[in-house]
mmCIF file of all heavy atoms, coordinates in Angstrom:
data_MODEL
# 
_entry.id   MODEL 
# 
loop_
_atom_site.group_PDB 
_atom_site.id 
_atom_site.type_symbol 
_atom_site.label_atom_id 
_atom_site.label_alt_id 
_atom_site.label_comp_id 
_atom_site.label_asym_id 
_atom_site.label_entity_id 
_atom_site.label_seq_id 
_atom_site.pdbx_PDB_ins_code 
_atom_site.Cartn_x 
_atom_site.Cartn_y 
_atom_site.Cartn_z 
_atom_site.occupancy 
_atom_site.B_iso_or_equiv 
_atom_site.pdbx_formal_charge 
_atom_site.auth_seq_id 
_atom_site.auth_comp_id 
_atom_site.auth_asym_id 
_atom_site.auth_atom_id 
_atom_site.pdbx_PDB_model_num 
ATOM 1   N N   . GLY A 1 1  ? 121.853 124.764 103.313 1.00 0.00 ? 1  GLY A N   1 
ATOM 2   C CA  . GLY A 1 1  ? 121.013 125.937 102.889 1.00 0.00 ? 1  GLY A CA  1 
ATOM 3   C C   . GLY A 1 1  ? 120.483 125.906 101.541 1.00 0.00 ? 1  GLY A C   1 
ATOM 4   O O   . GLY A 1 1  ? 119.588 126.600 101.184 1.00 0.00 ? 1  GLY A O   1 
ATOM 5   N N   . GLY A 1 2  ? 121.039 124.951 100.695 1.00 0.00 ? 2  GLY A N   1 
ATOM 6   C CA  . GLY A 1 2  ? 120.656 124.889 99.312  1.00 0.00 ? 2  GLY A CA  1 
ATOM 7   C C   . GLY A 1 2  ? 119.389 124.065 99.129  1.00 0.00 ? 2  GLY A C   1 
ATOM 8   O O   . GLY A 1 2  ? 118.780 123.498 100.045 1.00 0.00 ? 2  GLY A O   1 
ATOM 9   N N   . SER A 1 3  ? 119.095 123.750 97.859  1.00 0.00 ? 3  SER A N   1 
ATOM 10  C CA  . SER A 1 3  ? 117.892 123.077 97.464  1.00 0.00 ? 3  SER A CA  1 
ATOM 11  C C   . SER A 1 3  ? 118.153 121.997 96.373  1.00 0.00 ? 3  SER A C   1 
ATOM 12  O O   . SER A 1 3  ? 119.134 122.185 95.599  1.00 0.00 ? 3  SER A O   1 
ATOM 13  C CB  . SER A 1 3  ? 116.837 124.037 96.946  1.00 0.00 ? 3  SER A CB  1 
ATOM 14  O OG  . SER A 1 3  ? 116.429 124.991 97.918  1.00 0.00 ? 3  SER A OG  1 
ATOM 15  N N   . LEU A 1 4  ? 117.418 120.985 96.413  1.00 0.00 ? 4  LEU A N   1 
ATOM 16  C CA  . LEU A 1 4  ? 117.369 119.936 95.411  1.00 0.00 ? 4  LEU A CA  1 
ATOM 17  C C   . LEU A 1 4  ? 116.007 119.518 95.082  1.00 0.00 ? 4  LEU A C   1 
ATOM 18  O O   . LEU A 1 4  ? 115.171 119.535 96.117  1.00 0.00 ? 4  LEU A O   1 
ATOM 19  C CB  . LEU A 1 4  ? 118.189 118.719 95.735  1.00 0.00 ? 4  LEU A CB  1 
ATOM 20  C CG  . LEU A 1 4  ? 119.740 118.813 95.713  1.00 0.00 ? 4  LEU A CG  1 
ATOM 21  C CD1 . LEU A 1 4  ? 120.383 117.496 96.256  1.00 0.00 ? 4  LEU A CD1 1 
ATOM 22  C CD2 . LEU A 1 4  ? 120.162 119.024 94.248  1.00 0.00 ? 4  LEU A CD2 1 
ATOM 23  N N   . ARG A 1 5  ? 115.653 119.080 93.885  1.00 0.00 ? 5  ARG A N   1 
ATOM 24  C CA  . ARG A 1 5  ? 114.362 118.410 93.681  1.00 0.00 ? 5  ARG A CA  1 
ATOM 25  C C   . ARG A 1 5  ? 114.658 117.011 93.085  1.00 0.00 ? 5  ARG A C   1 
ATOM 26  O O   . ARG A 1 5  ? 115.282 116.864 92.081  1.00 0.00 ? 5  ARG A O   1 
ATOM 27  C CB  . ARG A 1 5  ? 113.518 119.234 92.662  1.00 0.00 ? 5  ARG A CB  1 
ATOM 28  C CG  . ARG A 1 5  ? 112.102 118.678 92.561  1.00 0.00 ? 5  ARG A CG  1 
ATOM 29  C CD  . ARG A 1 5  ? 111.182 119.473 91.711  1.00 0.00 ? 5  ARG A CD  1 
ATOM 30  N NE  . ARG A 1 5  ? 111.433 119.179 90.227  1.00 0.00 ? 5  ARG A NE  1 
ATOM 31  C CZ  . ARG A 1 5  ? 110.561 119.469 89.270  1.00 0.00 ? 5  ARG A CZ  1 
ATOM 32  N NH1 . ARG A 1 5  ? 109.423 119.923 89.576  1.00 0.00 ? 5  ARG A NH1 1 
ATOM 33  N NH2 . ARG A 1 5  ? 110.916 119.187 87.983  1.00 0.00 ? 5  ARG A NH2 1 
ATOM 34  N N   . LEU A 1 6  ? 114.168 116.057 93.806  1.00 0.00 ? 6  LEU A N   1 
ATOM 35  C CA  . LEU A 1 6  ? 114.292 114.685 93.370  1.00 0.00 ? 6  LEU A CA  1 
ATOM 36  C C   . LEU A 1 6  ? 112.986 114.268 92.561  1.00 0.00 ? 6  LEU A C   1 
ATOM 37  O O   . LEU A 1 6  ? 111.884 114.751 92.867  1.00 0.00 ? 6  LEU A O   1 
ATOM 38  C CB  . LEU A 1 6  ? 114.426 113.699 94.529  1.00 0.00 ? 6  LEU A CB  1 
ATOM 39  C CG  . LEU A 1 6  ? 115.489 114.018 95.531  1.00 0.00 ? 6  LEU A CG  1 
ATOM 40  C CD1 . LEU A 1 6  ? 115.596 112.925 96.651  1.00 0.00 ? 6  LEU A CD1 1 
ATOM 41  C CD2 . LEU A 1 6  ? 116.852 114.139 94.866  1.00 0.00 ? 6  LEU A CD2 1 
ATOM 42  N N   . SER A 1 7  ? 113.213 113.441 91.572  1.00 0.00 ? 7  SER A N   1 
ATOM 43  C CA  . SER A 1 7  ? 112.099 112.897 90.775  1.00 0.00 ? 7  SER A CA  1 
ATOM 44  C C   . SER A 1 7  ? 111.998 111.424 90.862  1.00 0.00 ? 7  SER A C   1 
ATOM 45  O O   . SER A 1 7  ? 113.066 110.763 90.922  1.00 0.00 ? 7  SER A O   1 
ATOM 46  C CB  . SER A 1 7  ? 112.211 113.391 89.262  1.00 0.00 ? 7  SER A CB  1 
ATOM 47  O OG  . SER A 1 7  ? 112.197 114.818 89.205  1.00 0.00 ? 7  SER A OG  1 
ATOM 48  N N   . CYS A 1 8  ? 110.861 110.857 90.754  1.00 0.00 ? 8  CYS A N   1 
ATOM 49  C CA  . CYS A 1 8  ? 110.575 109.434 90.753  1.00 0.00 ? 8  CYS A CA  1 
ATOM 50  C C   . CYS A 1 8  ? 109.681 109.141 89.612  1.00 0.00 ? 8  CYS A C   1 
ATOM 51  O O   . CYS A 1 8  ? 108.495 109.490 89.671  1.00 0.00 ? 8  CYS A O   1 
ATOM 52  C CB  . CYS A 1 8  ? 110.028 108.975 92.022  1.00 0.00 ? 8  CYS A CB  1 
ATOM 53  S SG  . CYS A 1 8  ? 109.530 107.204 92.020  1.00 0.00 ? 8  CYS A SG  1 
ATOM 54  N N   . ALA A 1 9  ? 110.171 108.479 88.570  1.00 0.00 ? 9  ALA A N   1 
ATOM 55  C CA  . ALA A 1 9  ? 109.389 108.111 87.442  1.00 0.00 ? 9  ALA A CA  1 
ATOM 56  C C   . ALA A 1 9  ? 108.794 106.785 87.695  1.00 0.00 ? 9  ALA A C   1 
ATOM 57  O O   . ALA A 1 9  ? 109.500 105.783 87.864  1.00 0.00 ? 9  ALA A O   1 
ATOM 58  C CB  . ALA A 1 9  ? 110.218 108.086 86.115  1.00 0.00 ? 9  ALA A CB  1 
ATOM 59  N N   . ALA A 1 10 ? 107.403 106.684 87.668  1.00 0.00 ? 10 ALA A N   1 
ATOM 60  C CA  . ALA A 1 10 ? 106.692 105.430 88.023  1.00 0.00 ? 10 ALA A CA  1 
ATOM 61  C C   . ALA A 1 10 ? 106.081 104.943 86.810  1.00 0.00 ? 10 ALA A C   1 
ATOM 62  O O   . ALA A 1 10 ? 105.503 105.630 85.999  1.00 0.00 ? 10 ALA A O   1 
ATOM 63  C CB  . ALA A 1 10 ? 105.717 105.728 89.133  1.00 0.00 ? 10 ALA A CB  1 
ATOM 64  N N   . SER A 1 11 ? 106.087 103.588 86.681  1.00 0.00 ? 11 SER A N   1 
ATOM 65  C CA  . SER A 1 11 ? 105.490 102.974 85.536  1.00 0.00 ? 11 SER A CA  1 
ATOM 66  C C   . SER A 1 11 ? 105.134 101.513 85.873  1.00 0.00 ? 11 SER A C   1 
ATOM 67  O O   . SER A 1 11 ? 105.469 101.009 86.875  1.00 0.00 ? 11 SER A O   1 
ATOM 68  C CB  . SER A 1 11 ? 106.339 102.962 84.303  1.00 0.00 ? 11 SER A CB  1 
ATOM 69  O OG  . SER A 1 11 ? 107.571 102.211 84.584  1.00 0.00 ? 11 SER A OG  1 
ATOM 70  N N   . GLY A 1 12 ? 104.317 100.914 84.974  1.00 0.00 ? 12 GLY A N   1 
ATOM 71  C CA  . GLY A 1 12 ? 103.934 99.453  85.057  1.00 0.00 ? 12 GLY A CA  1 
ATOM 72  C C   . GLY A 1 12 ? 102.702 99.114  85.656  1.00 0.00 ? 12 GLY A C   1 
ATOM 73  O O   . GLY A 1 12 ? 102.227 97.939  85.433  1.00 0.00 ? 12 GLY A O   1 
ATOM 74  N N   . ARG A 1 13 ? 101.952 100.037 86.198  1.00 0.00 ? 13 ARG A N   1 
ATOM 75  C CA  . ARG A 1 13 ? 100.699 99.723  86.862  1.00 0.00 ? 13 ARG A CA  1 
ATOM 76  C C   . ARG A 1 13 ? 99.937  101.037 87.166  1.00 0.00 ? 13 ARG A C   1 
ATOM 77  O O   . ARG A 1 13 ? 100.662 102.053 87.410  1.00 0.00 ? 13 ARG A O   1 
ATOM 78  C CB  . ARG A 1 13 ? 100.840 98.916  88.105  1.00 0.00 ? 13 ARG A CB  1 
ATOM 79  C CG  . ARG A 1 13 ? 99.563  98.449  88.760  1.00 0.00 ? 13 ARG A CG  1 
ATOM 80  C CD  . ARG A 1 13 ? 99.909  97.542  90.018  1.00 0.00 ? 13 ARG A CD  1 
ATOM 81  N NE  . ARG A 1 13 ? 98.740  97.296  90.788  1.00 0.00 ? 13 ARG A NE  1 
ATOM 82  C CZ  . ARG A 1 13 ? 98.759  96.532  91.912  1.00 0.00 ? 13 ARG A CZ  1 
ATOM 83  N NH1 . ARG A 1 13 ? 99.944  96.032  92.328  1.00 0.00 ? 13 ARG A NH1 1 
ATOM 84  N NH2 . ARG A 1 13 ? 97.596  96.330  92.595  1.00 0.00 ? 13 ARG A NH2 1 
ATOM 85  N N   . THR A 1 14 ? 98.658  101.025 87.167  1.00 0.00 ? 14 THR A N   1 
ATOM 86  C CA  . THR A 1 14 ? 97.937  102.189 87.602  1.00 0.00 ? 14 THR A CA  1 
ATOM 87  C C   . THR A 1 14 ? 98.227  102.471 89.019  1.00 0.00 ? 14 THR A C   1 
ATOM 88  O O   . THR A 1 14 ? 98.480  101.574 89.813  1.00 0.00 ? 14 THR A O   1 
ATOM 89  C CB  . THR A 1 14 ? 96.444  102.022 87.460  1.00 0.00 ? 14 THR A CB  1 
ATOM 90  O OG1 . THR A 1 14 ? 95.774  103.207 87.961  1.00 0.00 ? 14 THR A OG1 1 
ATOM 91  C CG2 . THR A 1 14 ? 95.915  100.822 88.194  1.00 0.00 ? 14 THR A CG2 1 
ATOM 92  N N   . PHE A 1 15 ? 98.356  103.784 89.311  1.00 0.00 ? 15 PHE A N   1 
ATOM 93  C CA  . PHE A 1 15 ? 98.658  104.177 90.753  1.00 0.00 ? 15 PHE A CA  1 
ATOM 94  C C   . PHE A 1 15 ? 97.458  104.649 91.534  1.00 0.00 ? 15 PHE A C   1 
ATOM 95  O O   . PHE A 1 15 ? 97.627  105.256 92.630  1.00 0.00 ? 15 PHE A O   1 
ATOM 96  C CB  . PHE A 1 15 ? 99.768  105.236 90.698  1.00 0.00 ? 15 PHE A CB  1 
ATOM 97  C CG  . PHE A 1 15 ? 101.038 104.527 90.303  1.00 0.00 ? 15 PHE A CG  1 
ATOM 98  C CD1 . PHE A 1 15 ? 101.502 104.415 88.997  1.00 0.00 ? 15 PHE A CD1 1 
ATOM 99  C CD2 . PHE A 1 15 ? 101.927 104.003 91.283  1.00 0.00 ? 15 PHE A CD2 1 
ATOM 100 C CE1 . PHE A 1 15 ? 102.620 103.842 88.708  1.00 0.00 ? 15 PHE A CE1 1 
ATOM 101 C CE2 . PHE A 1 15 ? 103.044 103.398 90.954  1.00 0.00 ? 15 PHE A CE2 1 
ATOM 102 C CZ  . PHE A 1 15 ? 103.461 103.313 89.596  1.00 0.00 ? 15 PHE A CZ  1 
ATOM 103 N N   . SER A 1 16 ? 96.269  104.484 90.997  1.00 0.00 ? 16 SER A N   1 
ATOM 104 C CA  . SER A 1 16 ? 95.076  104.653 91.769  1.00 0.00 ? 16 SER A CA  1 
ATOM 105 C C   . SER A 1 16 ? 95.139  103.784 93.018  1.00 0.00 ? 16 SER A C   1 
ATOM 106 O O   . SER A 1 16 ? 95.669  102.628 92.957  1.00 0.00 ? 16 SER A O   1 
ATOM 107 C CB  . SER A 1 16 ? 93.864  104.319 90.985  1.00 0.00 ? 16 SER A CB  1 
ATOM 108 O OG  . SER A 1 16 ? 93.686  105.168 89.887  1.00 0.00 ? 16 SER A OG  1 
ATOM 109 N N   . ASN A 1 17 ? 94.664  104.242 94.138  1.00 0.00 ? 17 ASN A N   1 
ATOM 110 C CA  . ASN A 1 17 ? 94.736  103.567 95.402  1.00 0.00 ? 17 ASN A CA  1 
ATOM 111 C C   . ASN A 1 17 ? 96.172  103.154 95.869  1.00 0.00 ? 17 ASN A C   1 
ATOM 112 O O   . ASN A 1 17 ? 96.434  102.198 96.483  1.00 0.00 ? 17 ASN A O   1 
ATOM 113 C CB  . ASN A 1 17 ? 93.937  102.258 95.380  1.00 0.00 ? 17 ASN A CB  1 
ATOM 114 C CG  . ASN A 1 17 ? 93.576  101.690 96.697  1.00 0.00 ? 17 ASN A CG  1 
ATOM 115 O OD1 . ASN A 1 17 ? 93.301  102.475 97.684  1.00 0.00 ? 17 ASN A OD1 1 
ATOM 116 N ND2 . ASN A 1 17 ? 93.531  100.308 96.798  1.00 0.00 ? 17 ASN A ND2 1 
ATOM 117 N N   . ALA A 1 18 ? 97.113  104.042 95.497  1.00 0.00 ? 18 ALA A N   1 
ATOM 118 C CA  . ALA A 1 18 ? 98.521  103.921 95.912  1.00 0.00 ? 18 ALA A CA  1 
ATOM 119 C C   . ALA A 1 18 ? 98.913  105.095 96.793  1.00 0.00 ? 18 ALA A C   1 
ATOM 120 O O   . ALA A 1 18 ? 98.447  106.193 96.629  1.00 0.00 ? 18 ALA A O   1 
ATOM 121 C CB  . ALA A 1 18 ? 99.327  103.796 94.668  1.00 0.00 ? 18 ALA A CB  1 
ATOM 122 N N   . VAL A 1 19 ? 99.825  104.777 97.710  1.00 0.00 ? 19 VAL A N   1 
ATOM 123 C CA  . VAL A 1 19 ? 100.534 105.767 98.418  1.00 0.00 ? 19 VAL A CA  1 
ATOM 124 C C   . VAL A 1 19 ? 102.012 105.768 97.935  1.00 0.00 ? 19 VAL A C   1 
ATOM 125 O O   . VAL A 1 19 ? 102.674 104.597 97.808  1.00 0.00 ? 19 VAL A O   1 
ATOM 126 C CB  . VAL A 1 19 ? 100.561 105.511 99.975  1.00 0.00 ? 19 VAL A CB  1 
ATOM 127 C CG1 . VAL A 1 19 ? 101.432 106.506 100.655 1.00 0.00 ? 19 VAL A CG1 1 
ATOM 128 C CG2 . VAL A 1 19 ? 99.069  105.585 100.420 1.00 0.00 ? 19 VAL A CG2 1 
ATOM 129 N N   . MET A 1 20 ? 102.492 106.861 97.562  1.00 0.00 ? 20 MET A N   1 
ATOM 130 C CA  . MET A 1 20 ? 103.869 106.960 97.174  1.00 0.00 ? 20 MET A CA  1 
ATOM 131 C C   . MET A 1 20 ? 104.687 107.624 98.256  1.00 0.00 ? 20 MET A C   1 
ATOM 132 O O   . MET A 1 20 ? 104.210 108.636 98.818  1.00 0.00 ? 20 MET A O   1 
ATOM 133 C CB  . MET A 1 20 ? 103.981 107.914 95.914  1.00 0.00 ? 20 MET A CB  1 
ATOM 134 C CG  . MET A 1 20 ? 103.052 107.498 94.753  1.00 0.00 ? 20 MET A CG  1 
ATOM 135 S SD  . MET A 1 20 ? 103.421 105.808 94.147  1.00 0.00 ? 20 MET A SD  1 
ATOM 136 C CE  . MET A 1 20 ? 105.132 106.037 93.471  1.00 0.00 ? 20 MET A CE  1 
ATOM 137 N N   . GLY A 1 21 ? 105.861 107.118 98.580  1.00 0.00 ? 21 GLY A N   1 
ATOM 138 C CA  . GLY A 1 21 ? 106.677 107.631 99.644  1.00 0.00 ? 21 GLY A CA  1 
ATOM 139 C C   . GLY A 1 21 ? 108.093 107.901 99.235  1.00 0.00 ? 21 GLY A C   1 
ATOM 140 O O   . GLY A 1 21 ? 108.602 107.302 98.311  1.00 0.00 ? 21 GLY A O   1 
ATOM 141 N N   . TRP A 1 22 ? 108.637 108.839 99.947  1.00 0.00 ? 22 TRP A N   1 
ATOM 142 C CA  . TRP A 1 22 ? 110.089 109.085 99.904  1.00 0.00 ? 22 TRP A CA  1 
ATOM 143 C C   . TRP A 1 22 ? 110.774 108.750 101.152 1.00 0.00 ? 22 TRP A C   1 
ATOM 144 O O   . TRP A 1 22 ? 110.248 109.112 102.218 1.00 0.00 ? 22 TRP A O   1 
ATOM 145 C CB  . TRP A 1 22 ? 110.433 110.569 99.574  1.00 0.00 ? 22 TRP A CB  1 
ATOM 146 C CG  . TRP A 1 22 ? 110.236 110.920 98.109  1.00 0.00 ? 22 TRP A CG  1 
ATOM 147 C CD1 . TRP A 1 22 ? 109.246 111.545 97.511  1.00 0.00 ? 22 TRP A CD1 1 
ATOM 148 C CD2 . TRP A 1 22 ? 111.192 110.719 97.031  1.00 0.00 ? 22 TRP A CD2 1 
ATOM 149 N NE1 . TRP A 1 22 ? 109.422 111.680 96.198  1.00 0.00 ? 22 TRP A NE1 1 
ATOM 150 C CE2 . TRP A 1 22 ? 110.614 111.191 95.863  1.00 0.00 ? 22 TRP A CE2 1 
ATOM 151 C CE3 . TRP A 1 22 ? 112.516 110.093 96.961  1.00 0.00 ? 22 TRP A CE3 1 
ATOM 152 C CZ2 . TRP A 1 22 ? 111.317 111.149 94.585  1.00 0.00 ? 22 TRP A CZ2 1 
ATOM 153 C CZ3 . TRP A 1 22 ? 113.160 110.035 95.741  1.00 0.00 ? 22 TRP A CZ3 1 
ATOM 154 C CH2 . TRP A 1 22 ? 112.517 110.583 94.615  1.00 0.00 ? 22 TRP A CH2 1 
ATOM 155 N N   . PHE A 1 23 ? 111.721 107.865 101.126 1.00 0.00 ? 23 PHE A N   1 
ATOM 156 C CA  . PHE A 1 23 ? 112.489 107.510 102.334 1.00 0.00 ? 23 PHE A CA  1 
ATOM 157 C C   . PHE A 1 23 ? 113.954 107.832 102.114 1.00 0.00 ? 23 PHE A C   1 
ATOM 158 O O   . PHE A 1 23 ? 114.394 108.037 101.026 1.00 0.00 ? 23 PHE A O   1 
ATOM 159 C CB  . PHE A 1 23 ? 112.339 105.970 102.466 1.00 0.00 ? 23 PHE A CB  1 
ATOM 160 C CG  . PHE A 1 23 ? 110.954 105.523 102.929 1.00 0.00 ? 23 PHE A CG  1 
ATOM 161 C CD1 . PHE A 1 23 ? 109.970 105.455 102.000 1.00 0.00 ? 23 PHE A CD1 1 
ATOM 162 C CD2 . PHE A 1 23 ? 110.703 105.188 104.254 1.00 0.00 ? 23 PHE A CD2 1 
ATOM 163 C CE1 . PHE A 1 23 ? 108.681 105.006 102.388 1.00 0.00 ? 23 PHE A CE1 1 
ATOM 164 C CE2 . PHE A 1 23 ? 109.467 104.777 104.656 1.00 0.00 ? 23 PHE A CE2 1 
ATOM 165 C CZ  . PHE A 1 23 ? 108.436 104.709 103.686 1.00 0.00 ? 23 PHE A CZ  1 
ATOM 166 N N   . ARG A 1 24 ? 114.608 107.851 103.268 1.00 0.00 ? 24 ARG A N   1 
ATOM 167 C CA  . ARG A 1 24 ? 116.121 108.118 103.171 1.00 0.00 ? 24 ARG A CA  1 
ATOM 168 C C   . ARG A 1 24 ? 116.764 107.209 104.217 1.00 0.00 ? 24 ARG A C   1 
ATOM 169 O O   . ARG A 1 24 ? 116.269 106.823 105.196 1.00 0.00 ? 24 ARG A O   1 
ATOM 170 C CB  . ARG A 1 24 ? 116.482 109.599 103.477 1.00 0.00 ? 24 ARG A CB  1 
ATOM 171 C CG  . ARG A 1 24 ? 116.139 110.042 104.903 1.00 0.00 ? 24 ARG A CG  1 
ATOM 172 C CD  . ARG A 1 24 ? 116.490 111.553 104.935 1.00 0.00 ? 24 ARG A CD  1 
ATOM 173 N NE  . ARG A 1 24 ? 116.222 112.122 106.328 1.00 0.00 ? 24 ARG A NE  1 
ATOM 174 C CZ  . ARG A 1 24 ? 116.261 113.339 106.560 1.00 0.00 ? 24 ARG A CZ  1 
ATOM 175 N NH1 . ARG A 1 24 ? 116.484 114.266 105.672 1.00 0.00 ? 24 ARG A NH1 1 
ATOM 176 N NH2 . ARG A 1 24 ? 116.050 113.700 107.849 1.00 0.00 ? 24 ARG A NH2 1 
ATOM 177 N N   . GLN A 1 25 ? 118.017 106.815 103.780 1.00 0.00 ? 25 GLN A N   1 
ATOM 178 C CA  . GLN A 1 25 ? 118.828 106.000 104.698 1.00 0.00 ? 25 GLN A CA  1 
ATOM 179 C C   . GLN A 1 25 ? 120.280 106.321 104.585 1.00 0.00 ? 25 GLN A C   1 
ATOM 180 O O   . GLN A 1 25 ? 120.863 106.399 103.488 1.00 0.00 ? 25 GLN A O   1 
ATOM 181 C CB  . GLN A 1 25 ? 118.688 104.468 104.216 1.00 0.00 ? 25 GLN A CB  1 
ATOM 182 C CG  . GLN A 1 25 ? 119.331 103.527 105.218 1.00 0.00 ? 25 GLN A CG  1 
ATOM 183 C CD  . GLN A 1 25 ? 118.914 102.050 104.883 1.00 0.00 ? 25 GLN A CD  1 
ATOM 184 O OE1 . GLN A 1 25 ? 118.569 101.728 103.761 1.00 0.00 ? 25 GLN A OE1 1 
ATOM 185 N NE2 . GLN A 1 25 ? 118.946 101.236 105.911 1.00 0.00 ? 25 GLN A NE2 1 
ATOM 186 N N   . ALA A 1 26 ? 120.854 106.698 105.740 1.00 0.00 ? 26 ALA A N   1 
ATOM 187 C CA  . ALA A 1 26 ? 122.258 107.033 105.862 1.00 0.00 ? 26 ALA A CA  1 
ATOM 188 C C   . ALA A 1 26 ? 122.977 105.691 106.342 1.00 0.00 ? 26 ALA A C   1 
ATOM 189 O O   . ALA A 1 26 ? 122.420 104.851 106.945 1.00 0.00 ? 26 ALA A O   1 
ATOM 190 C CB  . ALA A 1 26 ? 122.510 108.192 106.857 1.00 0.00 ? 26 ALA A CB  1 
# 
């Protein structure tokens, strides 16, 4: 029932024309 906010710091290249995804694996 609680909440979390995950962050992803991206660097190294322009992200124009990019899709960013979040995935999970148990």
